[in-house]
Amino acid sequence: IAATFGGRNPLNDYTLPYHALTRGAKVDAGLRHRFGSARIEDL
């Protein structure tokens, strides 16, 4: 969590606010890096 969020704002990749204020690319990449292709039923 410290490496992903500590001191870093994951919600600052701003874009034209058509769907949202941010593109969400940083959040998407962070989640995929941490959890990979894991499935909920296989934890």
Full PDB file with SEQRES, HELIX, SHEET, SSBOND, CRYST1, ORIGX, SCALE, CONECT and MASTER records, all heavy atoms in Angstrom:
SEQRES   1 A   43  ILE ALA ALA THR PHE GLY GLY ARG ASN PRO LEU ASN ASP          
SEQRES   2 A   43  TYR THR LEU PRO TYR HIS ALA LEU THR ARG GLY ALA LYS          
SEQRES   3 A   43  VAL ASP ALA GLY LEU ARG HIS ARG PHE GLY SER ALA ARG          
SEQRES   4 A   43  ILE GLU ASP LEU                                              
HELIX    1 AA1 ALA A   25  PHE A   35  1                                  11    
HELIX    2 AA2 ILE A   40  ASP A   42  5                                   3    
CRYST1    1.000    1.000    1.000  90.00  90.00  90.00 P 1           1          
ORIGX1      1.000000  0.000000  0.000000        0.00000                         
ORIGX2      0.000000  1.000000  0.000000        0.00000                         
ORIGX3      0.000000  0.000000  1.000000        0.00000                         
SCALE1      1.000000  0.000000  0.000000        0.00000                         
SCALE2      0.000000  1.000000  0.000000        0.00000                         
SCALE3      0.000000  0.000000  1.000000        0.00000                         
ATOM      1  N   ILE A   1       0.828  -1.198   0.000  1.00  0.00           N  
ATOM      2  CA  ILE A   1       0.000   0.000   0.000  1.00  0.00           C  
ATOM      3  C   ILE A   1       0.868   1.256   0.000  1.00  0.00           C  
ATOM      4  O   ILE A   1       0.576   2.237  -0.694  1.00  0.00           O  
ATOM      5  CB  ILE A   1      -0.946   0.002   1.215  1.00  0.00           C  
ATOM      6  CG1 ILE A   1      -1.951  -1.140   1.115  1.00  0.00           C  
ATOM      7  CG2 ILE A   1      -1.676   1.322   1.335  1.00  0.00           C  
ATOM      8  CD1 ILE A   1      -2.934  -1.012  -0.025  1.00  0.00           C  
ATOM      9  N   ALA A   2       1.945   1.217   0.764  1.00  0.00           N  
ATOM     10  CA  ALA A   2       2.855   2.372   0.809  1.00  0.00           C  
ATOM     11  C   ALA A   2       3.465   2.619  -0.562  1.00  0.00           C  
ATOM     12  O   ALA A   2       3.585   3.770  -1.004  1.00  0.00           O  
ATOM     13  CB  ALA A   2       3.942   2.141   1.852  1.00  0.00           C  
ATOM     14  N   ALA A   3       3.846   1.534  -1.243  1.00  0.00           N  
ATOM     15  CA  ALA A   3       4.457   1.682  -2.562  1.00  0.00           C  
ATOM     16  C   ALA A   3       3.452   2.185  -3.593  1.00  0.00           C  
ATOM     17  O   ALA A   3       3.810   2.927  -4.513  1.00  0.00           O  
ATOM     18  CB  ALA A   3       5.038   0.344  -3.012  1.00  0.00           C  
ATOM     19  N   THR A   4       2.202   1.791  -3.446  1.00  0.00           N  
ATOM     20  CA  THR A   4       1.186   2.154  -4.429  1.00  0.00           C  
ATOM     21  C   THR A   4       0.583   3.527  -4.158  1.00  0.00           C  
ATOM     22  O   THR A   4       0.375   4.322  -5.076  1.00  0.00           O  
ATOM     23  CB  THR A   4       0.050   1.105  -4.439  1.00  0.00           C  
ATOM     24  OG1 THR A   4       0.610  -0.191  -4.666  1.00  0.00           O  
ATOM     25  CG2 THR A   4      -0.965   1.414  -5.530  1.00  0.00           C  
ATOM     26  N   PHE A   5       0.288   3.819  -2.874  1.00  0.00           N  
ATOM     27  CA  PHE A   5      -0.444   5.033  -2.547  1.00  0.00           C  
ATOM     28  C   PHE A   5       0.342   6.034  -1.702  1.00  0.00           C  
ATOM     29  O   PHE A   5       0.036   7.220  -1.736  1.00  0.00           O  
ATOM     30  CB  PHE A   5      -1.728   4.680  -1.782  1.00  0.00           C  
ATOM     31  CG  PHE A   5      -2.703   3.869  -2.575  1.00  0.00           C  
ATOM     32  CD1 PHE A   5      -2.850   2.515  -2.334  1.00  0.00           C  
ATOM     33  CD2 PHE A   5      -3.471   4.456  -3.559  1.00  0.00           C  
ATOM     34  CE1 PHE A   5      -3.758   1.757  -3.046  1.00  0.00           C  
ATOM     35  CE2 PHE A   5      -4.381   3.709  -4.288  1.00  0.00           C  
ATOM     36  CZ  PHE A   5      -4.527   2.355  -4.041  1.00  0.00           C  
ATOM     37  N   GLY A   6       1.260   5.554  -0.870  1.00  0.00           N  
ATOM     38  CA  GLY A   6       1.935   6.429   0.080  1.00  0.00           C  
ATOM     39  C   GLY A   6       2.592   7.621  -0.588  1.00  0.00           C  
ATOM     40  O   GLY A   6       3.575   7.469  -1.319  1.00  0.00           O  
ATOM     41  N   GLY A   7       2.066   8.814  -0.354  1.00  0.00           N  
ATOM     42  CA  GLY A   7       2.647  10.021  -0.915  1.00  0.00           C  
ATOM     43  C   GLY A   7       2.289  10.248  -2.368  1.00  0.00           C  
ATOM     44  O   GLY A   7       2.681  11.254  -2.949  1.00  0.00           O  
ATOM     45  N   ARG A   8       1.521   9.325  -2.982  1.00  0.00           N  
ATOM     46  CA  ARG A   8       1.159   9.465  -4.386  1.00  0.00           C  
ATOM     47  C   ARG A   8      -0.348   9.567  -4.520  1.00  0.00           C  
ATOM     48  O   ARG A   8      -1.082   8.810  -3.897  1.00  0.00           O  
ATOM     49  CB  ARG A   8       1.643   8.260  -5.197  1.00  0.00           C  
ATOM     50  CG  ARG A   8       3.145   8.043  -5.141  1.00  0.00           C  
ATOM     51  CD  ARG A   8       3.531   6.985  -6.155  1.00  0.00           C  
ATOM     52  NE  ARG A   8       4.974   6.739  -6.112  1.00  0.00           N  
ATOM     53  CZ  ARG A   8       5.532   5.684  -5.573  1.00  0.00           C  
ATOM     54  NH1 ARG A   8       4.765   4.757  -5.030  1.00  0.00           N  
ATOM     55  NH2 ARG A   8       6.825   5.524  -5.568  1.00  0.00           N  
ATOM     56  N   ASN A   9      -0.803  10.468  -5.329  1.00  0.00           N  
ATOM     57  CA  ASN A   9      -2.231  10.615  -5.574  1.00  0.00           C  
ATOM     58  C   ASN A   9      -2.601   9.746  -6.778  1.00  0.00           C  
ATOM     59  O   ASN A   9      -2.196  10.035  -7.903  1.00  0.00           O  
ATOM     60  CB  ASN A   9      -2.581  12.079  -5.848  1.00  0.00           C  
ATOM     61  CG  ASN A   9      -4.076  12.285  -6.014  1.00  0.00           C  
ATOM     62  OD1 ASN A   9      -4.850  11.336  -5.974  1.00  0.00           O  
ATOM     63  ND2 ASN A   9      -4.471  13.534  -6.204  1.00  0.00           N  
ATOM     64  N   PRO A  10      -3.368   8.672  -6.586  1.00  0.00           N  
ATOM     65  CA  PRO A  10      -3.722   7.817  -7.716  1.00  0.00           C  
ATOM     66  C   PRO A  10      -4.833   8.403  -8.581  1.00  0.00           C  
ATOM     67  O   PRO A  10      -5.195   7.811  -9.603  1.00  0.00           O  
ATOM     68  CB  PRO A  10      -4.201   6.531  -7.024  1.00  0.00           C  
ATOM     69  CG  PRO A  10      -4.776   7.000  -5.729  1.00  0.00           C  
ATOM     70  CD  PRO A  10      -3.936   8.176  -5.317  1.00  0.00           C  
ATOM     71  N   LEU A  11      -5.347   9.563  -8.176  1.00  0.00           N  
ATOM     72  CA  LEU A  11      -6.479  10.146  -8.894  1.00  0.00           C  
ATOM     73  C   LEU A  11      -6.097  11.503  -9.483  1.00  0.00           C  
ATOM     74  O   LEU A  11      -6.812  12.498  -9.338  1.00  0.00           O  
ATOM     75  CB  LEU A  11      -7.670  10.316  -7.934  1.00  0.00           C  
ATOM     76  CG  LEU A  11      -8.182   9.044  -7.262  1.00  0.00           C  
ATOM     77  CD1 LEU A  11      -9.258   9.378  -6.232  1.00  0.00           C  
ATOM     78  CD2 LEU A  11      -8.729   8.087  -8.314  1.00  0.00           C  
ATOM     79  N   ASN A  12      -4.955  11.545 -10.175  1.00  0.00           N  
ATOM     80  CA  ASN A  12      -4.539  12.823 -10.754  1.00  0.00           C  
ATOM     81  C   ASN A  12      -4.213  12.739 -12.239  1.00  0.00           C  
ATOM     82  O   ASN A  12      -3.612  13.664 -12.785  1.00  0.00           O  
ATOM     83  CB  ASN A  12      -3.351  13.405  -9.976  1.00  0.00           C  
ATOM     84  CG  ASN A  12      -2.118  12.509 -10.050  1.00  0.00           C  
ATOM     85  OD1 ASN A  12      -2.137  11.455 -10.678  1.00  0.00           O  
ATOM     86  ND2 ASN A  12      -1.036  12.946  -9.398  1.00  0.00           N  
ATOM     87  N   ASP A  13      -4.612  11.631 -12.889  1.00  0.00           N  
ATOM     88  CA  ASP A  13      -4.407  11.578 -14.341  1.00  0.00           C  
ATOM     89  C   ASP A  13      -5.650  12.176 -15.015  1.00  0.00           C  
ATOM     90  O   ASP A  13      -6.466  11.483 -15.622  1.00  0.00           O  
ATOM     91  CB  ASP A  13      -4.129  10.150 -14.822  1.00  0.00           C  
ATOM     92  CG  ASP A  13      -5.155   9.136 -14.365  1.00  0.00           C  
ATOM     93  OD1 ASP A  13      -5.924   9.444 -13.433  1.00  0.00           O  
ATOM     94  OD2 ASP A  13      -5.207   8.039 -14.951  1.00  0.00           O  
ATOM     95  N   TYR A  14      -5.751  13.503 -14.870  1.00  0.00           N  
ATOM     96  CA  TYR A  14      -6.956  14.205 -15.309  1.00  0.00           C  
ATOM     97  C   TYR A  14      -7.109  14.168 -16.819  1.00  0.00           C  
ATOM     98  O   TYR A  14      -6.125  14.074 -17.575  1.00  0.00           O  
ATOM     99  CB  TYR A  14      -6.925  15.656 -14.822  1.00  0.00           C  
ATOM    100  CG  TYR A  14      -6.932  15.771 -13.319  1.00  0.00           C  
ATOM    101  CD1 TYR A  14      -5.781  16.148 -12.621  1.00  0.00           C  
ATOM    102  CD2 TYR A  14      -8.089  15.498 -12.598  1.00  0.00           C  
ATOM    103  CE1 TYR A  14      -5.784  16.246 -11.240  1.00  0.00           C  
ATOM    104  CE2 TYR A  14      -8.108  15.593 -11.214  1.00  0.00           C  
ATOM    105  CZ  TYR A  14      -6.956  15.959 -10.553  1.00  0.00           C  
ATOM    106  OH  TYR A  14      -6.963  16.040  -9.182  1.00  0.00           O  
ATOM    107  N   THR A  15      -8.355  14.252 -17.244  1.00  0.00           N  
ATOM    108  CA  THR A  15      -8.674  14.207 -18.668  1.00  0.00           C  
ATOM    109  C   THR A  15      -9.890  15.069 -18.912  1.00  0.00           C  
ATOM    110  O   THR A  15     -10.469  15.647 -17.976  1.00  0.00           O  
ATOM    111  CB  THR A  15      -8.940  12.761 -19.116  1.00  0.00           C  
ATOM    112  OG1 THR A  15      -9.141  12.727 -20.529  1.00  0.00           O  
ATOM    113  CG2 THR A  15     -10.181  12.194 -18.429  1.00  0.00           C  
ATOM    114  N   LEU A  16     -10.317  15.167 -20.163  1.00  0.00           N  
ATOM    115  CA  LEU A  16     -11.536  15.884 -20.482  1.00  0.00           C  
ATOM    116  C   LEU A  16     -12.692  15.203 -19.757  1.00  0.00           C  
ATOM    117  O   LEU A  16     -12.933  14.005 -19.943  1.00  0.00           O  
ATOM    118  CB  LEU A  16     -11.783  15.850 -21.993  1.00  0.00           C  
ATOM    119  CG  LEU A  16     -12.998  16.636 -22.497  1.00  0.00           C  
ATOM    120  CD1 LEU A  16     -12.790  18.127 -22.283  1.00  0.00           C  
ATOM    121  CD2 LEU A  16     -13.254  16.323 -23.969  1.00  0.00           C  
ATOM    122  N   PRO A  17     -13.414  15.910 -18.878  1.00  0.00           N  
ATOM    123  CA  PRO A  17     -14.423  15.260 -18.016  1.00  0.00           C  
ATOM    124  C   PRO A  17     -15.681  14.854 -18.781  1.00  0.00           C  
ATOM    125  O   PRO A  17     -16.754  15.430 -18.600  1.00  0.00           O  
ATOM    126  CB  PRO A  17     -14.703  16.339 -16.968  1.00  0.00           C  
ATOM    127  CG  PRO A  17     -14.440  17.630 -17.663  1.00  0.00           C  
ATOM    128  CD  PRO A  17     -13.291  17.363 -18.590  1.00  0.00           C  
ATOM    129  N   TYR A  18     -15.535  13.848 -19.632  1.00  0.00           N  
ATOM    130  CA  TYR A  18     -16.682  13.327 -20.372  1.00  0.00           C  
ATOM    131  C   TYR A  18     -17.363  12.210 -19.578  1.00  0.00           C  
ATOM    132  O   TYR A  18     -18.563  12.209 -19.381  1.00  0.00           O  
ATOM    133  CB  TYR A  18     -16.223  12.818 -21.741  1.00  0.00           C  
ATOM    134  CG  TYR A  18     -17.376  12.467 -22.659  1.00  0.00           C  
ATOM    135  CD1 TYR A  18     -18.141  13.463 -23.238  1.00  0.00           C  
ATOM    136  CD2 TYR A  18     -17.686  11.141 -22.941  1.00  0.00           C  
ATOM    137  CE1 TYR A  18     -19.204  13.154 -24.067  1.00  0.00           C  
ATOM    138  CE2 TYR A  18     -18.748  10.810 -23.774  1.00  0.00           C  
ATOM    139  CZ  TYR A  18     -19.501  11.825 -24.335  1.00  0.00           C  
ATOM    140  OH  TYR A  18     -20.545  11.512 -25.148  1.00  0.00           O  
ATOM    141  N   HIS A  19     -16.546  11.225 -19.108  1.00  0.00           N  
ATOM    142  CA  HIS A  19     -17.060  10.172 -18.227  1.00  0.00           C  
ATOM    143  C   HIS A  19     -16.699  10.450 -16.772  1.00  0.00           C  
ATOM    144  O   HIS A  19     -17.442  10.081 -15.862  1.00  0.00           O  
ATOM    145  CB  HIS A  19     -16.495   8.800 -18.624  1.00  0.00           C  
ATOM    146  CG  HIS A  19     -16.813   8.415 -20.032  1.00  0.00           C  
ATOM    147  ND1 HIS A  19     -18.088   8.180 -20.459  1.00  0.00           N  
ATOM    148  CD2 HIS A  19     -16.005   8.224 -21.106  1.00  0.00           C  
ATOM    149  CE1 HIS A  19     -18.071   7.860 -21.744  1.00  0.00           C  
ATOM    150  NE2 HIS A  19     -16.826   7.879 -22.143  1.00  0.00           N  
ATOM    151  N   ALA A  20     -15.516  11.055 -16.574  1.00  0.00           N  
ATOM    152  CA  ALA A  20     -15.024  11.324 -15.225  1.00  0.00           C  
ATOM    153  C   ALA A  20     -13.881  12.323 -15.325  1.00  0.00           C  
ATOM    154  O   ALA A  20     -13.369  12.607 -16.419  1.00  0.00           O  
ATOM    155  CB  ALA A  20     -14.554  10.039 -14.558  1.00  0.00           C  
ATOM    156  N   LEU A  21     -13.481  12.862 -14.166  1.00  0.00           N  
ATOM    157  CA  LEU A  21     -12.387  13.833 -14.151  1.00  0.00           C  
ATOM    158  C   LEU A  21     -11.049  13.194 -14.490  1.00  0.00           C  
ATOM    159  O   LEU A  21     -10.141  13.875 -14.974  1.00  0.00           O  
ATOM    160  CB  LEU A  21     -12.303  14.485 -12.768  1.00  0.00           C  
ATOM    161  CG  LEU A  21     -13.452  15.425 -12.378  1.00  0.00           C  
ATOM    162  CD1 LEU A  21     -13.241  15.927 -10.960  1.00  0.00           C  
ATOM    163  CD2 LEU A  21     -13.555  16.595 -13.361  1.00  0.00           C  
ATOM    164  N   THR A  22     -10.887  11.908 -14.217  1.00  0.00           N  
ATOM    165  CA  THR A  22      -9.615  11.226 -14.488  1.00  0.00           C  
ATOM    166  C   THR A  22      -9.834  10.076 -15.464  1.00  0.00           C  
ATOM    167  O   THR A  22     -10.957   9.572 -15.625  1.00  0.00           O  
ATOM    168  CB  THR A  22      -8.994  10.661 -13.192  1.00  0.00           C  
ATOM    169  OG1 THR A  22      -9.810   9.595 -12.702  1.00  0.00           O  
ATOM    170  CG2 THR A  22      -8.887  11.745 -12.126  1.00  0.00           C  
ATOM    171  N   ARG A  23      -8.750   9.651 -16.083  1.00  0.00           N  
ATOM    172  CA  ARG A  23      -8.823   8.513 -17.011  1.00  0.00           C  
ATOM    173  C   ARG A  23      -8.880   7.189 -16.266  1.00  0.00           C  
ATOM    174  O   ARG A  23      -9.350   6.191 -16.792  1.00  0.00           O  
ATOM    175  CB  ARG A  23      -7.604   8.527 -17.939  1.00  0.00           C  
ATOM    176  CG  ARG A  23      -7.599   9.691 -18.912  1.00  0.00           C  
ATOM    177  CD  ARG A  23      -6.399   9.637 -19.823  1.00  0.00           C  
ATOM    178  NE  ARG A  23      -5.151   9.795 -19.075  1.00  0.00           N  
ATOM    179  CZ  ARG A  23      -4.092   9.005 -19.213  1.00  0.00           C  
ATOM    180  NH1 ARG A  23      -4.131   7.959 -20.022  1.00  0.00           N  
ATOM    181  NH2 ARG A  23      -3.001   9.243 -18.522  1.00  0.00           N  
ATOM    182  N   GLY A  24      -8.360   7.150 -15.019  1.00  0.00           N  
ATOM    183  CA  GLY A  24      -8.353   5.919 -14.245  1.00  0.00           C  
ATOM    184  C   GLY A  24      -7.251   4.967 -14.636  1.00  0.00           C  
ATOM    185  O   GLY A  24      -7.200   3.836 -14.129  1.00  0.00           O  
ATOM    186  N   ALA A  25      -6.351   5.390 -15.509  1.00  0.00           N  
ATOM    187  CA  ALA A  25      -5.293   4.486 -15.983  1.00  0.00           C  
ATOM    188  C   ALA A  25      -4.332   4.124 -14.861  1.00  0.00           C  
ATOM    189  O   ALA A  25      -3.863   2.980 -14.776  1.00  0.00           O  
ATOM    190  CB  ALA A  25      -4.539   5.137 -17.141  1.00  0.00           C  
ATOM    191  N   LYS A  26      -4.030   5.085 -13.979  1.00  0.00           N  
ATOM    192  CA  LYS A  26      -3.113   4.794 -12.880  1.00  0.00           C  
ATOM    193  C   LYS A  26      -3.715   3.769 -11.920  1.00  0.00           C  
ATOM    194  O   LYS A  26      -3.034   2.852 -11.456  1.00  0.00           O  
ATOM    195  CB  LYS A  26      -2.774   6.081 -12.127  1.00  0.00           C  
ATOM    196  CG  LYS A  26      -1.915   7.061 -12.905  1.00  0.00           C  
ATOM    197  CD  LYS A  26      -1.665   8.326 -12.120  1.00  0.00           C  
ATOM    198  CE  LYS A  26      -0.813   8.086 -10.898  1.00  0.00           C  
ATOM    199  NZ  LYS A  26      -0.463   9.350 -10.223  1.00  0.00           N  
ATOM    200  N   VAL A  27      -5.002   3.925 -11.645  1.00  0.00           N  
ATOM    201  CA  VAL A  27      -5.673   2.975 -10.760  1.00  0.00           C  
ATOM    202  C   VAL A  27      -5.731   1.595 -11.403  1.00  0.00           C  
ATOM    203  O   VAL A  27      -5.446   0.577 -10.761  1.00  0.00           O  
ATOM    204  CB  VAL A  27      -7.085   3.473 -10.414  1.00  0.00           C  
ATOM    205  CG1 VAL A  27      -7.859   2.407  -9.644  1.00  0.00           C  
ATOM    206  CG2 VAL A  27      -7.009   4.758  -9.604  1.00  0.00           C  
ATOM    207  N   ASP A  28      -6.083   1.540 -12.690  1.00  0.00           N  
ATOM    208  CA  ASP A  28      -6.162   0.255 -13.395  1.00  0.00           C  
ATOM    209  C   ASP A  28      -4.819  -0.465 -13.379  1.00  0.00           C  
ATOM    210  O   ASP A  28      -4.746  -1.661 -13.086  1.00  0.00           O  
ATOM    211  CB  ASP A  28      -6.604   0.471 -14.848  1.00  0.00           C  
ATOM    212  CG  ASP A  28      -8.046   0.916 -14.957  1.00  0.00           C  
ATOM    213  OD1 ASP A  28      -8.769   0.789 -13.956  1.00  0.00           O  
ATOM    214  OD2 ASP A  28      -8.437   1.407 -16.025  1.00  0.00           O  
ATOM    215  N   ALA A  29      -3.759   0.274 -13.680  1.00  0.00           N  
ATOM    216  CA  ALA A  29      -2.430  -0.339 -13.732  1.00  0.00           C  
ATOM    217  C   ALA A  29      -1.995  -0.806 -12.347  1.00  0.00           C  
ATOM    218  O   ALA A  29      -1.403  -1.886 -12.205  1.00  0.00           O  
ATOM    219  CB  ALA A  29      -1.422   0.664 -14.296  1.00  0.00           C  
ATOM    220  N   GLY A  30      -2.304  -0.007 -11.321  1.00  0.00           N  
ATOM    221  CA  GLY A  30      -1.917  -0.399  -9.970  1.00  0.00           C  
ATOM    222  C   GLY A  30      -2.626  -1.659  -9.502  1.00  0.00           C  
ATOM    223  O   GLY A  30      -2.016  -2.552  -8.907  1.00  0.00           O  
ATOM    224  N   LEU A  31      -3.919  -1.762  -9.772  1.00  0.00           N  
ATOM    225  CA  LEU A  31      -4.661  -2.960  -9.375  1.00  0.00           C  
ATOM    226  C   LEU A  31      -4.180  -4.193 -10.126  1.00  0.00           C  
ATOM    227  O   LEU A  31      -4.020  -5.276  -9.543  1.00  0.00           O  
ATOM    228  CB  LEU A  31      -6.162  -2.750  -9.621  1.00  0.00           C  
ATOM    229  CG  LEU A  31      -6.870  -1.748  -8.719  1.00  0.00           C  
ATOM    230  CD1 LEU A  31      -8.309  -1.557  -9.163  1.00  0.00           C  
ATOM    231  CD2 LEU A  31      -6.825  -2.202  -7.263  1.00  0.00           C  
ATOM    232  N   ARG A  32      -3.959  -4.042 -11.412  1.00  0.00           N  
ATOM    233  CA  ARG A  32      -3.522  -5.196 -12.200  1.00  0.00           C  
ATOM    234  C   ARG A  32      -2.119  -5.632 -11.786  1.00  0.00           C  
ATOM    235  O   ARG A  32      -1.804  -6.838 -11.759  1.00  0.00           O  
ATOM    236  CB  ARG A  32      -3.574  -4.850 -13.697  1.00  0.00           C  
ATOM    237  CG  ARG A  32      -3.424  -6.033 -14.617  1.00  0.00           C  
ATOM    238  CD  ARG A  32      -4.463  -7.088 -14.360  1.00  0.00           C  
ATOM    239  NE  ARG A  32      -5.817  -6.650 -14.655  1.00  0.00           N  
ATOM    240  CZ  ARG A  32      -6.893  -7.385 -14.468  1.00  0.00           C  
ATOM    241  NH1 ARG A  32      -6.790  -8.603 -13.941  1.00  0.00           N  
ATOM    242  NH2 ARG A  32      -8.092  -6.919 -14.744  1.00  0.00           N  
ATOM    243  N   HIS A  33      -1.266  -4.673 -11.442  1.00  0.00           N  
ATOM    244  CA  HIS A  33       0.096  -5.020 -10.998  1.00  0.00           C  
ATOM    245  C   HIS A  33       0.055  -5.776  -9.675  1.00  0.00           C  
ATOM    246  O   HIS A  33       0.796  -6.745  -9.479  1.00  0.00           O  
ATOM    247  CB  HIS A  33       0.922  -3.742 -10.856  1.00  0.00           C  
ATOM    248  CG  HIS A  33       2.298  -3.981 -10.284  1.00  0.00           C  
ATOM    249  ND1 HIS A  33       3.310  -4.598 -11.002  1.00  0.00           N  
ATOM    250  CD2 HIS A  33       2.819  -3.713  -9.050  1.00  0.00           C  
ATOM    251  CE1 HIS A  33       4.395  -4.685 -10.247  1.00  0.00           C  
ATOM    252  NE2 HIS A  33       4.122  -4.160  -9.060  1.00  0.00           N  
ATOM    253  N   ARG A  34      -0.810  -5.367  -8.766  1.00  0.00           N  
ATOM    254  CA  ARG A  34      -0.865  -5.988  -7.437  1.00  0.00           C  
ATOM    255  C   ARG A  34      -1.577  -7.330  -7.443  1.00  0.00           C  
ATOM    256  O   ARG A  34      -1.177  -8.257  -6.749  1.00  0.00           O  
ATOM    257  CB  ARG A  34      -1.558  -5.051  -6.450  1.00  0.00           C  
ATOM    258  CG  ARG A  34      -0.707  -3.870  -6.029  1.00  0.00           C  
ATOM    259  CD  ARG A  34      -1.378  -3.110  -4.915  1.00  0.00           C  
ATOM    260  NE  ARG A  34      -1.602  -3.955  -3.748  1.00  0.00           N  
ATOM    261  CZ  ARG A  34      -2.475  -3.688  -2.788  1.00  0.00           C  
ATOM    262  NH1 ARG A  34      -3.215  -2.609  -2.874  1.00  0.00           N  
ATOM    263  NH2 ARG A  34      -2.605  -4.489  -1.758  1.00  0.00           N  
ATOM    264  N   PHE A  35      -2.661  -7.437  -8.211  1.00  0.00           N  
ATOM    265  CA  PHE A  35      -3.498  -8.636  -8.117  1.00  0.00           C  
ATOM    266  C   PHE A  35      -3.461  -9.525  -9.353  1.00  0.00           C  
ATOM    267  O   PHE A  35      -3.995 -10.635  -9.318  1.00  0.00           O  
ATOM    268  CB  PHE A  35      -4.946  -8.220  -7.820  1.00  0.00           C  
ATOM    269  CG  PHE A  35      -5.092  -7.467  -6.531  1.00  0.00           C  
ATOM    270  CD1 PHE A  35      -5.305  -6.100  -6.515  1.00  0.00           C  
ATOM    271  CD2 PHE A  35      -4.990  -8.135  -5.316  1.00  0.00           C  
ATOM    272  CE1 PHE A  35      -5.421  -5.398  -5.329  1.00  0.00           C  
ATOM    273  CE2 PHE A  35      -5.101  -7.445  -4.115  1.00  0.00           C  
ATOM    274  CZ  PHE A  35      -5.321  -6.084  -4.125  1.00  0.00           C  
ATOM    275  N   GLY A  36      -2.825  -9.055 -10.417  1.00  0.00           N  
ATOM    276  CA  GLY A  36      -2.645  -9.888 -11.597  1.00  0.00           C  
ATOM    277  C   GLY A  36      -3.952 -10.442 -12.131  1.00  0.00           C  
ATOM    278  O   GLY A  36      -4.956  -9.736 -12.236  1.00  0.00           O  
ATOM    279  N   SER A  37      -3.948 -11.746 -12.435  1.00  0.00           N  
ATOM    280  CA  SER A  37      -5.141 -12.396 -12.994  1.00  0.00           C  
ATOM    281  C   SER A  37      -5.871 -13.232 -11.934  1.00  0.00           C  
ATOM    282  O   SER A  37      -6.643 -14.131 -12.282  1.00  0.00           O  
ATOM    283  CB  SER A  37      -4.749 -13.284 -14.172  1.00  0.00           C  
ATOM    284  OG  SER A  37      -3.796 -14.267 -13.754  1.00  0.00           O  
ATOM    285  N   ALA A  38      -5.617 -12.969 -10.651  1.00  0.00           N  
ATOM    286  CA  ALA A  38      -6.254 -13.739  -9.571  1.00  0.00           C  
ATOM    287  C   ALA A  38      -7.774 -13.629  -9.660  1.00  0.00           C  
ATOM    288  O   ALA A  38      -8.321 -12.592 -10.054  1.00  0.00           O  
ATOM    289  CB  ALA A  38      -5.773 -13.237  -8.212  1.00  0.00           C  
ATOM    290  N   ARG A  39      -8.434 -14.714  -9.270  1.00  0.00           N  
ATOM    291  CA  ARG A  39      -9.890 -14.734  -9.246  1.00  0.00           C  
ATOM    292  C   ARG A  39     -10.382 -14.794  -7.793  1.00  0.00           C  
ATOM    293  O   ARG A  39      -9.722 -15.376  -6.924  1.00  0.00           O  
ATOM    294  CB  ARG A  39     -10.425 -15.926 -10.048  1.00  0.00           C  
ATOM    295  CG  ARG A  39     -10.080 -15.850 -11.527  1.00  0.00           C  
ATOM    296  CD  ARG A  39     -10.708 -16.987 -12.300  1.00  0.00           C  
ATOM    297  NE  ARG A  39     -12.159 -16.937 -12.300  1.00  0.00           N  
ATOM    298  CZ  ARG A  39     -12.901 -16.151 -13.078  1.00  0.00           C  
ATOM    299  NH1 ARG A  39     -12.314 -15.324 -13.943  1.00  0.00           N  
ATOM    300  NH2 ARG A  39     -14.221 -16.171 -13.009  1.00  0.00           N  
ATOM    301  N   ILE A  40     -11.528 -14.193  -7.557  1.00  0.00           N  
ATOM    302  CA  ILE A  40     -12.044 -14.084  -6.195  1.00  0.00           C  
ATOM    303  C   ILE A  40     -12.227 -15.455  -5.562  1.00  0.00           C  
ATOM    304  O   ILE A  40     -11.915 -15.663  -4.383  1.00  0.00           O  
ATOM    305  CB  ILE A  40     -13.383 -13.315  -6.201  1.00  0.00           C  
ATOM    306  CG1 ILE A  40     -13.136 -11.860  -6.588  1.00  0.00           C  
ATOM    307  CG2 ILE A  40     -14.072 -13.390  -4.832  1.00  0.00           C  
ATOM    308  CD1 ILE A  40     -14.415 -11.047  -6.759  1.00  0.00           C  
ATOM    309  N   GLU A  41     -12.741 -16.414  -6.320  1.00  0.00           N  
ATOM    310  CA  GLU A  41     -13.017 -17.734  -5.764  1.00  0.00           C  
ATOM    311  C   GLU A  41     -11.758 -18.550  -5.526  1.00  0.00           C  
ATOM    312  O   GLU A  41     -11.816 -19.607  -4.877  1.00  0.00           O  
ATOM    313  CB  GLU A  41     -13.984 -18.510  -6.664  1.00  0.00           C  
ATOM    314  CG  GLU A  41     -13.457 -18.820  -8.047  1.00  0.00           C  
ATOM    315  CD  GLU A  41     -13.772 -17.740  -9.067  1.00  0.00           C  
ATOM    316  OE1 GLU A  41     -13.840 -16.546  -8.688  1.00  0.00           O  
ATOM    317  OE2 GLU A  41     -13.955 -18.089 -10.248  1.00  0.00           O  
ATOM    318  N   ASP A  42     -10.616 -18.087  -6.040  1.00  0.00           N  
ATOM    319  CA  ASP A  42      -9.362 -18.817  -5.878  1.00  0.00           C  
ATOM    320  C   ASP A  42      -8.374 -18.018  -5.029  1.00  0.00           C  
ATOM    321  O   ASP A  42      -7.210 -17.814  -5.407  1.00  0.00           O  
ATOM    322  CB  ASP A  42      -8.752 -19.146  -7.246  1.00  0.00           C  
ATOM    323  CG  ASP A  42      -9.604 -20.118  -8.035  1.00  0.00           C  
ATOM    324  OD1 ASP A  42     -10.182 -21.023  -7.411  1.00  0.00           O  
ATOM    325  OD2 ASP A  42      -9.718 -19.971  -9.265  1.00  0.00           O  
ATOM    326  N   LEU A  43      -8.835 -17.551  -3.884  1.00  0.00           N  
ATOM    327  CA  LEU A  43      -7.981 -16.889  -2.900  1.00  0.00           C  
ATOM    328  C   LEU A  43      -7.895 -17.777  -1.672  1.00  0.00           C  
ATOM    329  O   LEU A  43      -8.688 -18.688  -1.477  1.00  0.00           O  
ATOM    330  CB  LEU A  43      -8.565 -15.519  -2.531  1.00  0.00           C  
ATOM    331  CG  LEU A  43      -8.745 -14.524  -3.686  1.00  0.00           C  
ATOM    332  CD1 LEU A  43      -9.439 -13.259  -3.191  1.00  0.00           C  
ATOM    333  CD2 LEU A  43      -7.420 -14.190  -4.337  1.00  0.00           C  
TER     334      LEU A  43                                                      
MASTER        0    0    0    2    0    0    0    6  333    1    0    4          
END                                                                             
